[in-house]
mmCIF file of all heavy atoms, coordinates in Angstrom:
data_MODEL
# 
_entry.id   MODEL 
# 
loop_
_atom_site.group_PDB 
_atom_site.id 
_atom_site.type_symbol 
_atom_site.label_atom_id 
_atom_site.label_alt_id 
_atom_site.label_comp_id 
_atom_site.label_asym_id 
_atom_site.label_entity_id 
_atom_site.label_seq_id 
_atom_site.pdbx_PDB_ins_code 
_atom_site.Cartn_x 
_atom_site.Cartn_y 
_atom_site.Cartn_z 
_atom_site.occupancy 
_atom_site.B_iso_or_equiv 
_atom_site.pdbx_formal_charge 
_atom_site.auth_seq_id 
_atom_site.auth_comp_id 
_atom_site.auth_asym_id 
_atom_site.auth_atom_id 
_atom_site.pdbx_PDB_model_num 
ATOM 1   N N   . ALA A 1 1  ? 0.824  -1.224  0.000   1.00 0.00 ? 1  ALA A N   1 
ATOM 2   C CA  . ALA A 1 1  ? 0.008  -0.001  0.003   1.00 0.00 ? 1  ALA A CA  1 
ATOM 3   C C   . ALA A 1 1  ? 0.847  1.255   -0.002  1.00 0.00 ? 1  ALA A C   1 
ATOM 4   O O   . ALA A 1 1  ? 0.518  2.248   -0.660  1.00 0.00 ? 1  ALA A O   1 
ATOM 5   C CB  . ALA A 1 1  ? -0.940 -0.011  1.209   1.00 0.00 ? 1  ALA A CB  1 
ATOM 6   N N   . ASP A 1 2  ? 1.945  1.256   0.742   1.00 0.00 ? 2  ASP A N   1 
ATOM 7   C CA  . ASP A 1 2  ? 2.816  2.435   0.795   1.00 0.00 ? 2  ASP A CA  1 
ATOM 8   C C   . ASP A 1 2  ? 3.444  2.722   -0.555  1.00 0.00 ? 2  ASP A C   1 
ATOM 9   O O   . ASP A 1 2  ? 3.541  3.888   -0.986  1.00 0.00 ? 2  ASP A O   1 
ATOM 10  C CB  . ASP A 1 2  ? 3.903  2.250   1.852   1.00 0.00 ? 2  ASP A CB  1 
ATOM 11  C CG  . ASP A 1 2  ? 3.357  2.257   3.270   1.00 0.00 ? 2  ASP A CG  1 
ATOM 12  O OD1 . ASP A 1 2  ? 2.265  2.810   3.486   1.00 0.00 ? 2  ASP A OD1 1 
ATOM 13  O OD2 . ASP A 1 2  ? 4.033  1.693   4.162   1.00 0.00 ? 2  ASP A OD2 1 
ATOM 14  N N   . ALA A 1 3  ? 3.897  1.667   -1.248  1.00 0.00 ? 3  ALA A N   1 
ATOM 15  C CA  . ALA A 1 3  ? 4.497  1.845   -2.564  1.00 0.00 ? 3  ALA A CA  1 
ATOM 16  C C   . ALA A 1 3  ? 3.479  2.351   -3.582  1.00 0.00 ? 3  ALA A C   1 
ATOM 17  O O   . ALA A 1 3  ? 3.799  3.194   -4.427  1.00 0.00 ? 3  ALA A O   1 
ATOM 18  C CB  . ALA A 1 3  ? 5.130  0.554   -3.051  1.00 0.00 ? 3  ALA A CB  1 
ATOM 19  N N   . VAL A 1 4  ? 2.244  1.840   -3.516  1.00 0.00 ? 4  VAL A N   1 
ATOM 20  C CA  . VAL A 1 4  ? 1.195  2.301   -4.407  1.00 0.00 ? 4  VAL A CA  1 
ATOM 21  C C   . VAL A 1 4  ? 0.918  3.775   -4.194  1.00 0.00 ? 4  VAL A C   1 
ATOM 22  O O   . VAL A 1 4  ? 0.806  4.580   -5.149  1.00 0.00 ? 4  VAL A O   1 
ATOM 23  C CB  . VAL A 1 4  ? -0.078 1.458   -4.229  1.00 0.00 ? 4  VAL A CB  1 
ATOM 24  C CG1 . VAL A 1 4  ? -1.231 2.042   -5.035  1.00 0.00 ? 4  VAL A CG1 1 
ATOM 25  C CG2 . VAL A 1 4  ? 0.180  0.017   -4.667  1.00 0.00 ? 4  VAL A CG2 1 
ATOM 26  N N   . ARG A 1 5  ? 0.810  4.185   -2.935  1.00 0.00 ? 5  ARG A N   1 
ATOM 27  C CA  . ARG A 1 5  ? 0.540  5.604   -2.620  1.00 0.00 ? 5  ARG A CA  1 
ATOM 28  C C   . ARG A 1 5  ? 1.702  6.479   -3.059  1.00 0.00 ? 5  ARG A C   1 
ATOM 29  O O   . ARG A 1 5  ? 1.497  7.567   -3.615  1.00 0.00 ? 5  ARG A O   1 
ATOM 30  C CB  . ARG A 1 5  ? 0.299  5.775   -1.126  1.00 0.00 ? 5  ARG A CB  1 
ATOM 31  C CG  . ARG A 1 5  ? -1.062 5.312   -0.654  1.00 0.00 ? 5  ARG A CG  1 
ATOM 32  C CD  . ARG A 1 5  ? -1.242 5.591   0.845   1.00 0.00 ? 5  ARG A CD  1 
ATOM 33  N NE  . ARG A 1 5  ? -1.068 6.993   1.131   1.00 0.00 ? 5  ARG A NE  1 
ATOM 34  C CZ  . ARG A 1 5  ? -2.039 7.913   1.038   1.00 0.00 ? 5  ARG A CZ  1 
ATOM 35  N NH1 . ARG A 1 5  ? -3.254 7.535   0.653   1.00 0.00 ? 5  ARG A NH1 1 
ATOM 36  N NH2 . ARG A 1 5  ? -1.818 9.185   1.331   1.00 0.00 ? 5  ARG A NH2 1 
ATOM 37  N N   . GLU A 1 6  ? 2.938  6.002   -2.848  1.00 0.00 ? 6  GLU A N   1 
ATOM 38  C CA  . GLU A 1 6  ? 4.094  6.792   -3.258  1.00 0.00 ? 6  GLU A CA  1 
ATOM 39  C C   . GLU A 1 6  ? 4.127  6.986   -4.765  1.00 0.00 ? 6  GLU A C   1 
ATOM 40  O O   . GLU A 1 6  ? 4.484  8.059   -5.268  1.00 0.00 ? 6  GLU A O   1 
ATOM 41  C CB  . GLU A 1 6  ? 5.379  6.107   -2.806  1.00 0.00 ? 6  GLU A CB  1 
ATOM 42  C CG  . GLU A 1 6  ? 6.650  6.897   -3.079  1.00 0.00 ? 6  GLU A CG  1 
ATOM 43  C CD  . GLU A 1 6  ? 7.904  6.205   -2.588  1.00 0.00 ? 6  GLU A CD  1 
ATOM 44  O OE1 . GLU A 1 6  ? 7.801  5.340   -1.673  1.00 0.00 ? 6  GLU A OE1 1 
ATOM 45  O OE2 . GLU A 1 6  ? 9.002  6.515   -3.119  1.00 0.00 ? 6  GLU A OE2 1 
ATOM 46  N N   . THR A 1 7  ? 3.746  5.963   -5.516  1.00 0.00 ? 7  THR A N   1 
ATOM 47  C CA  . THR A 1 7  ? 3.676  6.065   -6.973  1.00 0.00 ? 7  THR A CA  1 
ATOM 48  C C   . THR A 1 7  ? 2.710  7.148   -7.402  1.00 0.00 ? 7  THR A C   1 
ATOM 49  O O   . THR A 1 7  ? 2.949  7.859   -8.396  1.00 0.00 ? 7  THR A O   1 
ATOM 50  C CB  . THR A 1 7  ? 3.262  4.708   -7.586  1.00 0.00 ? 7  THR A CB  1 
ATOM 51  O OG1 . THR A 1 7  ? 4.165  3.691   -7.166  1.00 0.00 ? 7  THR A OG1 1 
ATOM 52  C CG2 . THR A 1 7  ? 3.238  4.766   -9.091  1.00 0.00 ? 7  THR A CG2 1 
ATOM 53  N N   . LEU A 1 8  ? 1.636  7.313   -6.652  1.00 0.00 ? 8  LEU A N   1 
ATOM 54  C CA  . LEU A 1 8  ? 0.585  8.262   -7.001  1.00 0.00 ? 8  LEU A CA  1 
ATOM 55  C C   . LEU A 1 8  ? 0.795  9.679   -6.492  1.00 0.00 ? 8  LEU A C   1 
ATOM 56  O O   . LEU A 1 8  ? 0.143  10.624  -6.966  1.00 0.00 ? 8  LEU A O   1 
ATOM 57  C CB  . LEU A 1 8  ? -0.757 7.744   -6.471  1.00 0.00 ? 8  LEU A CB  1 
ATOM 58  C CG  . LEU A 1 8  ? -1.315 6.498   -7.176  1.00 0.00 ? 8  LEU A CG  1 
ATOM 59  C CD1 . LEU A 1 8  ? -2.248 5.732   -6.263  1.00 0.00 ? 8  LEU A CD1 1 
ATOM 60  C CD2 . LEU A 1 8  ? -2.049 6.929   -8.444  1.00 0.00 ? 8  LEU A CD2 1 
ATOM 61  N N   . GLU A 1 9  ? 1.673  9.836   -5.531  1.00 0.00 ? 9  GLU A N   1 
ATOM 62  C CA  . GLU A 1 9  ? 1.868  11.157  -4.919  1.00 0.00 ? 9  GLU A CA  1 
ATOM 63  C C   . GLU A 1 9  ? 2.292  12.186  -5.969  1.00 0.00 ? 9  GLU A C   1 
ATOM 64  O O   . GLU A 1 9  ? 3.201  11.975  -6.752  1.00 0.00 ? 9  GLU A O   1 
ATOM 65  C CB  . GLU A 1 9  ? 2.959  11.097  -3.854  1.00 0.00 ? 9  GLU A CB  1 
ATOM 66  C CG  . GLU A 1 9  ? 2.530  10.372  -2.564  1.00 0.00 ? 9  GLU A CG  1 
ATOM 67  C CD  . GLU A 1 9  ? 1.485  11.136  -1.750  1.00 0.00 ? 9  GLU A CD  1 
ATOM 68  O OE1 . GLU A 1 9  ? 1.295  12.349  -2.034  1.00 0.00 ? 9  GLU A OE1 1 
ATOM 69  O OE2 . GLU A 1 9  ? 0.884  10.540  -0.852  1.00 0.00 ? 9  GLU A OE2 1 
ATOM 70  N N   . GLY A 1 10 ? 1.538  13.303  -5.987  1.00 0.00 ? 10 GLY A N   1 
ATOM 71  C CA  . GLY A 1 10 ? 1.856  14.397  -6.887  1.00 0.00 ? 10 GLY A CA  1 
ATOM 72  C C   . GLY A 1 10 ? 1.418  14.188  -8.311  1.00 0.00 ? 10 GLY A C   1 
ATOM 73  O O   . GLY A 1 10 ? 1.715  15.026  -9.163  1.00 0.00 ? 10 GLY A O   1 
ATOM 74  N N   . CYS A 1 11 ? 0.731  13.099  -8.585  1.00 0.00 ? 11 CYS A N   1 
ATOM 75  C CA  . CYS A 1 11 ? 0.289  12.809  -9.964  1.00 0.00 ? 11 CYS A CA  1 
ATOM 76  C C   . CYS A 1 11 ? -1.051 13.465  -10.292 1.00 0.00 ? 11 CYS A C   1 
ATOM 77  O O   . CYS A 1 11 ? -1.906 13.670  -9.401  1.00 0.00 ? 11 CYS A O   1 
ATOM 78  C CB  . CYS A 1 11 ? 0.211  11.320  -10.193 1.00 0.00 ? 11 CYS A CB  1 
ATOM 79  S SG  . CYS A 1 11 ? 1.823  10.519  -10.291 1.00 0.00 ? 11 CYS A SG  1 
ATOM 80  N N   . ASP A 1 12 ? -1.224 13.776  -11.548 1.00 0.00 ? 12 ASP A N   1 
ATOM 81  C CA  . ASP A 1 12 ? -2.468 14.362  -12.029 1.00 0.00 ? 12 ASP A CA  1 
ATOM 82  C C   . ASP A 1 12 ? -3.429 13.304  -12.545 1.00 0.00 ? 12 ASP A C   1 
ATOM 83  O O   . ASP A 1 12 ? -4.639 13.566  -12.649 1.00 0.00 ? 12 ASP A O   1 
ATOM 84  C CB  . ASP A 1 12 ? -2.159 15.351  -13.167 1.00 0.00 ? 12 ASP A CB  1 
ATOM 85  C CG  . ASP A 1 12 ? -1.136 16.389  -12.765 1.00 0.00 ? 12 ASP A CG  1 
ATOM 86  O OD1 . ASP A 1 12 ? -1.469 17.259  -11.953 1.00 0.00 ? 12 ASP A OD1 1 
ATOM 87  O OD2 . ASP A 1 12 ? 0.015  16.315  -13.239 1.00 0.00 ? 12 ASP A OD2 1 
ATOM 88  N N   . ALA A 1 13 ? -2.909 12.148  -12.895 1.00 0.00 ? 13 ALA A N   1 
ATOM 89  C CA  . ALA A 1 13 ? -3.740 11.075  -13.476 1.00 0.00 ? 13 ALA A CA  1 
ATOM 90  C C   . ALA A 1 13 ? -3.071 9.740   -13.178 1.00 0.00 ? 13 ALA A C   1 
ATOM 91  O O   . ALA A 1 13 ? -1.896 9.661   -12.830 1.00 0.00 ? 13 ALA A O   1 
ATOM 92  C CB  . ALA A 1 13 ? -3.908 11.274  -14.978 1.00 0.00 ? 13 ALA A CB  1 
ATOM 93  N N   . ALA A 1 14 ? -3.869 8.683   -13.327 1.00 0.00 ? 14 ALA A N   1 
ATOM 94  C CA  . ALA A 1 14 ? -3.359 7.310   -13.133 1.00 0.00 ? 14 ALA A CA  1 
ATOM 95  C C   . ALA A 1 14 ? -3.866 6.430   -14.261 1.00 0.00 ? 14 ALA A C   1 
ATOM 96  O O   . ALA A 1 14 ? -4.996 6.568   -14.727 1.00 0.00 ? 14 ALA A O   1 
ATOM 97  C CB  . ALA A 1 14 ? -3.809 6.761   -11.787 1.00 0.00 ? 14 ALA A CB  1 
ATOM 98  N N   . ILE A 1 15 ? -3.008 5.501   -14.706 1.00 0.00 ? 15 ILE A N   1 
ATOM 99  C CA  . ILE A 1 15 ? -3.373 4.533   -15.736 1.00 0.00 ? 15 ILE A CA  1 
ATOM 100 C C   . ILE A 1 15 ? -3.139 3.139   -15.140 1.00 0.00 ? 15 ILE A C   1 
ATOM 101 O O   . ILE A 1 15 ? -2.046 2.827   -14.641 1.00 0.00 ? 15 ILE A O   1 
ATOM 102 C CB  . ILE A 1 15 ? -2.516 4.697   -17.005 1.00 0.00 ? 15 ILE A CB  1 
ATOM 103 C CG1 . ILE A 1 15 ? -2.729 6.074   -17.621 1.00 0.00 ? 15 ILE A CG1 1 
ATOM 104 C CG2 . ILE A 1 15 ? -2.856 3.599   -18.017 1.00 0.00 ? 15 ILE A CG2 1 
ATOM 105 C CD1 . ILE A 1 15 ? -1.850 6.350   -18.837 1.00 0.00 ? 15 ILE A CD1 1 
ATOM 106 N N   . TYR A 1 16 ? -4.161 2.301   -15.216 1.00 0.00 ? 16 TYR A N   1 
ATOM 107 C CA  . TYR A 1 16 ? -4.028 0.917   -14.763 1.00 0.00 ? 16 TYR A CA  1 
ATOM 108 C C   . TYR A 1 16 ? -4.111 0.014   -15.988 1.00 0.00 ? 16 TYR A C   1 
ATOM 109 O O   . TYR A 1 16 ? -5.152 -0.098  -16.630 1.00 0.00 ? 16 TYR A O   1 
ATOM 110 C CB  . TYR A 1 16 ? -5.122 0.540   -13.771 1.00 0.00 ? 16 TYR A CB  1 
ATOM 111 C CG  . TYR A 1 16 ? -4.848 -0.775  -13.073 1.00 0.00 ? 16 TYR A CG  1 
ATOM 112 C CD1 . TYR A 1 16 ? -4.101 -0.825  -11.914 1.00 0.00 ? 16 TYR A CD1 1 
ATOM 113 C CD2 . TYR A 1 16 ? -5.334 -1.993  -13.581 1.00 0.00 ? 16 TYR A CD2 1 
ATOM 114 C CE1 . TYR A 1 16 ? -3.827 -2.029  -11.276 1.00 0.00 ? 16 TYR A CE1 1 
ATOM 115 C CE2 . TYR A 1 16 ? -5.061 -3.179  -12.961 1.00 0.00 ? 16 TYR A CE2 1 
ATOM 116 C CZ  . TYR A 1 16 ? -4.318 -3.217  -11.807 1.00 0.00 ? 16 TYR A CZ  1 
ATOM 117 O OH  . TYR A 1 16 ? -4.034 -4.408  -11.183 1.00 0.00 ? 16 TYR A OH  1 
ATOM 118 N N   . CYS A 1 17 ? -2.956 -0.614  -16.329 1.00 0.00 ? 17 CYS A N   1 
ATOM 119 C CA  . CYS A 1 17 ? -2.925 -1.489  -17.517 1.00 0.00 ? 17 CYS A CA  1 
ATOM 120 C C   . CYS A 1 17 ? -2.318 -2.842  -17.177 1.00 0.00 ? 17 CYS A C   1 
ATOM 121 O O   . CYS A 1 17 ? -1.665 -3.455  -18.030 1.00 0.00 ? 17 CYS A O   1 
ATOM 122 C CB  . CYS A 1 17 ? -2.192 -0.809  -18.665 1.00 0.00 ? 17 CYS A CB  1 
ATOM 123 S SG  . CYS A 1 17 ? -0.456 -0.443  -18.338 1.00 0.00 ? 17 CYS A SG  1 
ATOM 124 N N   . VAL A 1 18 ? -2.539 -3.296  -15.937 1.00 0.00 ? 18 VAL A N   1 
ATOM 125 C CA  . VAL A 1 18 ? -2.061 -4.618  -15.553 1.00 0.00 ? 18 VAL A CA  1 
ATOM 126 C C   . VAL A 1 18 ? -2.998 -5.663  -16.130 1.00 0.00 ? 18 VAL A C   1 
ATOM 127 O O   . VAL A 1 18 ? -4.234 -5.534  -16.013 1.00 0.00 ? 18 VAL A O   1 
ATOM 128 C CB  . VAL A 1 18 ? -1.998 -4.739  -14.020 1.00 0.00 ? 18 VAL A CB  1 
ATOM 129 C CG1 . VAL A 1 18 ? -1.557 -6.143  -13.609 1.00 0.00 ? 18 VAL A CG1 1 
ATOM 130 C CG2 . VAL A 1 18 ? -1.079 -3.700  -13.427 1.00 0.00 ? 18 VAL A CG2 1 
ATOM 131 N N   . GLY A 1 19 ? -2.456 -6.705  -16.737 1.00 0.00 ? 19 GLY A N   1 
ATOM 132 C CA  . GLY A 1 19 ? -3.295 -7.751  -17.315 1.00 0.00 ? 19 GLY A CA  1 
ATOM 133 C C   . GLY A 1 19 ? -2.576 -9.051  -17.470 1.00 0.00 ? 19 GLY A C   1 
ATOM 134 O O   . GLY A 1 19 ? -1.352 -9.077  -17.648 1.00 0.00 ? 19 GLY A O   1 
ATOM 135 N N   . LEU A 1 20 ? -3.313 -10.137 -17.410 1.00 0.00 ? 20 LEU A N   1 
ATOM 136 C CA  . LEU A 1 20 ? -2.767 -11.475 -17.599 1.00 0.00 ? 20 LEU A CA  1 
ATOM 137 C C   . LEU A 1 20 ? -3.398 -12.111 -18.830 1.00 0.00 ? 20 LEU A C   1 
ATOM 138 O O   . LEU A 1 20 ? -4.590 -11.920 -19.088 1.00 0.00 ? 20 LEU A O   1 
ATOM 139 C CB  . LEU A 1 20 ? -3.079 -12.377 -16.393 1.00 0.00 ? 20 LEU A CB  1 
ATOM 140 C CG  . LEU A 1 20 ? -2.495 -11.990 -15.035 1.00 0.00 ? 20 LEU A CG  1 
ATOM 141 C CD1 . LEU A 1 20 ? -2.961 -13.021 -14.017 1.00 0.00 ? 20 LEU A CD1 1 
ATOM 142 C CD2 . LEU A 1 20 ? -0.997 -11.951 -15.080 1.00 0.00 ? 20 LEU A CD2 1 
ATOM 143 N N   . LEU A 1 21 ? -2.627 -12.872 -19.585 1.00 0.00 ? 21 LEU A N   1 
ATOM 144 C CA  . LEU A 1 21 ? -3.175 -13.723 -20.641 1.00 0.00 ? 21 LEU A CA  1 
ATOM 145 C C   . LEU A 1 21 ? -3.566 -15.082 -20.071 1.00 0.00 ? 21 LEU A C   1 
ATOM 146 O O   . LEU A 1 21 ? -4.477 -15.743 -20.581 1.00 0.00 ? 21 LEU A O   1 
ATOM 147 C CB  . LEU A 1 21 ? -2.156 -13.905 -21.760 1.00 0.00 ? 21 LEU A CB  1 
ATOM 148 C CG  . LEU A 1 21 ? -1.774 -12.638 -22.540 1.00 0.00 ? 21 LEU A CG  1 
ATOM 149 C CD1 . LEU A 1 21 ? -0.664 -12.952 -23.550 1.00 0.00 ? 21 LEU A CD1 1 
ATOM 150 C CD2 . LEU A 1 21 ? -2.997 -12.057 -23.222 1.00 0.00 ? 21 LEU A CD2 1 
ATOM 151 N N   . ARG A 1 22 ? -2.867 -15.475 -19.004 1.00 0.00 ? 22 ARG A N   1 
ATOM 152 C CA  . ARG A 1 22 ? -3.091 -16.790 -18.423 1.00 0.00 ? 22 ARG A CA  1 
ATOM 153 C C   . ARG A 1 22 ? -2.757 -16.741 -16.943 1.00 0.00 ? 22 ARG A C   1 
ATOM 154 O O   . ARG A 1 22 ? -1.818 -16.050 -16.543 1.00 0.00 ? 22 ARG A O   1 
ATOM 155 C CB  . ARG A 1 22 ? -2.182 -17.817 -19.138 1.00 0.00 ? 22 ARG A CB  1 
ATOM 156 C CG  . ARG A 1 22 ? -2.460 -19.257 -18.826 1.00 0.00 ? 22 ARG A CG  1 
ATOM 157 C CD  . ARG A 1 22 ? -1.717 -20.123 -19.825 1.00 0.00 ? 22 ARG A CD  1 
ATOM 158 N NE  . ARG A 1 22 ? -2.056 -21.532 -19.700 1.00 0.00 ? 22 ARG A NE  1 
ATOM 159 C CZ  . ARG A 1 22 ? -1.791 -22.442 -20.617 1.00 0.00 ? 22 ARG A CZ  1 
ATOM 160 N NH1 . ARG A 1 22 ? -1.139 -22.102 -21.709 1.00 0.00 ? 22 ARG A NH1 1 
ATOM 161 N NH2 . ARG A 1 22 ? -2.126 -23.709 -20.445 1.00 0.00 ? 22 ARG A NH2 1 
ATOM 162 N N   . GLU A 1 23 ? -3.535 -17.400 -16.122 1.00 0.00 ? 23 GLU A N   1 
ATOM 163 C CA  . GLU A 1 23 ? -3.277 -17.389 -14.682 1.00 0.00 ? 23 GLU A CA  1 
ATOM 164 C C   . GLU A 1 23 ? -2.608 -18.682 -14.228 1.00 0.00 ? 23 GLU A C   1 
ATOM 165 O O   . GLU A 1 23 ? -2.747 -19.733 -14.854 1.00 0.00 ? 23 GLU A O   1 
ATOM 166 C CB  . GLU A 1 23 ? -4.573 -17.139 -13.908 1.00 0.00 ? 23 GLU A CB  1 
ATOM 167 C CG  . GLU A 1 23 ? -5.653 -18.149 -14.085 1.00 0.00 ? 23 GLU A CG  1 
ATOM 168 C CD  . GLU A 1 23 ? -6.908 -17.815 -13.279 1.00 0.00 ? 23 GLU A CD  1 
ATOM 169 O OE1 . GLU A 1 23 ? -6.883 -16.862 -12.478 1.00 0.00 ? 23 GLU A OE1 1 
ATOM 170 O OE2 . GLU A 1 23 ? -7.909 -18.529 -13.438 1.00 0.00 ? 23 GLU A OE2 1 
ATOM 171 N N   . PHE A 1 24 ? -1.897 -18.576 -13.121 1.00 0.00 ? 24 PHE A N   1 
ATOM 172 C CA  . PHE A 1 24 ? -1.198 -19.710 -12.481 1.00 0.00 ? 24 PHE A CA  1 
ATOM 173 C C   . PHE A 1 24 ? -1.500 -19.656 -10.987 1.00 0.00 ? 24 PHE A C   1 
ATOM 174 O O   . PHE A 1 24 ? -0.696 -19.135 -10.218 1.00 0.00 ? 24 PHE A O   1 
ATOM 175 C CB  . PHE A 1 24 ? 0.284  -19.646 -12.760 1.00 0.00 ? 24 PHE A CB  1 
ATOM 176 C CG  . PHE A 1 24 ? 0.625  -19.696 -14.219 1.00 0.00 ? 24 PHE A CG  1 
ATOM 177 C CD1 . PHE A 1 24 ? 0.825  -18.534 -14.961 1.00 0.00 ? 24 PHE A CD1 1 
ATOM 178 C CD2 . PHE A 1 24 ? 0.774  -20.919 -14.886 1.00 0.00 ? 24 PHE A CD2 1 
ATOM 179 C CE1 . PHE A 1 24 ? 1.122  -18.574 -16.312 1.00 0.00 ? 24 PHE A CE1 1 
ATOM 180 C CE2 . PHE A 1 24 ? 1.074  -20.979 -16.249 1.00 0.00 ? 24 PHE A CE2 1 
ATOM 181 C CZ  . PHE A 1 24 ? 1.264  -19.802 -16.951 1.00 0.00 ? 24 PHE A CZ  1 
ATOM 182 N N   . PRO A 1 25 ? -2.673 -20.172 -10.600 1.00 0.00 ? 25 PRO A N   1 
ATOM 183 C CA  . PRO A 1 25 ? -3.114 -20.041 -9.204  1.00 0.00 ? 25 PRO A CA  1 
ATOM 184 C C   . PRO A 1 25 ? -2.116 -20.554 -8.187  1.00 0.00 ? 25 PRO A C   1 
ATOM 185 O O   . PRO A 1 25 ? -2.024 -20.005 -7.078  1.00 0.00 ? 25 PRO A O   1 
ATOM 186 C CB  . PRO A 1 25 ? -4.414 -20.854 -9.190  1.00 0.00 ? 25 PRO A CB  1 
ATOM 187 C CG  . PRO A 1 25 ? -4.898 -20.802 -10.600 1.00 0.00 ? 25 PRO A CG  1 
ATOM 188 C CD  . PRO A 1 25 ? -3.656 -20.842 -11.445 1.00 0.00 ? 25 PRO A CD  1 
ATOM 189 N N   . ARG A 1 26 ? -1.405 -21.624 -8.501  1.00 0.00 ? 26 ARG A N   1 
ATOM 190 C CA  . ARG A 1 26 ? -0.440 -22.184 -7.550  1.00 0.00 ? 26 ARG A CA  1 
ATOM 191 C C   . ARG A 1 26 ? 0.676  -21.203 -7.229  1.00 0.00 ? 26 ARG A C   1 
ATOM 192 O O   . ARG A 1 26 ? 1.326  -21.305 -6.182  1.00 0.00 ? 26 ARG A O   1 
ATOM 193 C CB  . ARG A 1 26 ? 0.132  -23.484 -8.066  1.00 0.00 ? 26 ARG A CB  1 
ATOM 194 C CG  . ARG A 1 26 ? -0.887 -24.620 -8.170  1.00 0.00 ? 26 ARG A CG  1 
ATOM 195 C CD  . ARG A 1 26 ? -0.268 -25.892 -8.717  1.00 0.00 ? 26 ARG A CD  1 
ATOM 196 N NE  . ARG A 1 26 ? -1.250 -26.960 -8.864  1.00 0.00 ? 26 ARG A NE  1 
ATOM 197 C CZ  . ARG A 1 26 ? -0.980 -28.159 -9.348  1.00 0.00 ? 26 ARG A CZ  1 
ATOM 198 N NH1 . ARG A 1 26 ? 0.280  -28.458 -9.748  1.00 0.00 ? 26 ARG A NH1 1 
ATOM 199 N NH2 . ARG A 1 26 ? -1.911 -29.079 -9.477  1.00 0.00 ? 26 ARG A NH2 1 
ATOM 200 N N   . LYS A 1 27 ? 0.933  -20.270 -8.136  1.00 0.00 ? 27 LYS A N   1 
ATOM 201 C CA  . LYS A 1 27 ? 1.946  -19.239 -7.907  1.00 0.00 ? 27 LYS A CA  1 
ATOM 202 C C   . LYS A 1 27 ? 1.337  -17.929 -7.417  1.00 0.00 ? 27 LYS A C   1 
ATOM 203 O O   . LYS A 1 27 ? 2.035  -16.937 -7.269  1.00 0.00 ? 27 LYS A O   1 
ATOM 204 C CB  . LYS A 1 27 ? 2.730  -18.984 -9.197  1.00 0.00 ? 27 LYS A CB  1 
ATOM 205 C CG  . LYS A 1 27 ? 3.481  -20.188 -9.738  1.00 0.00 ? 27 LYS A CG  1 
ATOM 206 C CD  . LYS A 1 27 ? 4.215  -19.831 -11.026 1.00 0.00 ? 27 LYS A CD  1 
ATOM 207 C CE  . LYS A 1 27 ? 4.967  -21.016 -11.581 1.00 0.00 ? 27 LYS A CE  1 
ATOM 208 N NZ  . LYS A 1 27 ? 5.668  -20.664 -12.863 1.00 0.00 ? 27 LYS A NZ  1 
# 
């Protein structure tokens, strides 16, 4: 949570483009 907040500090906008083509639940 701290790293996420630090990434956002002072920003005017945010882009979320995290995505998976395939999942590996065991990992």
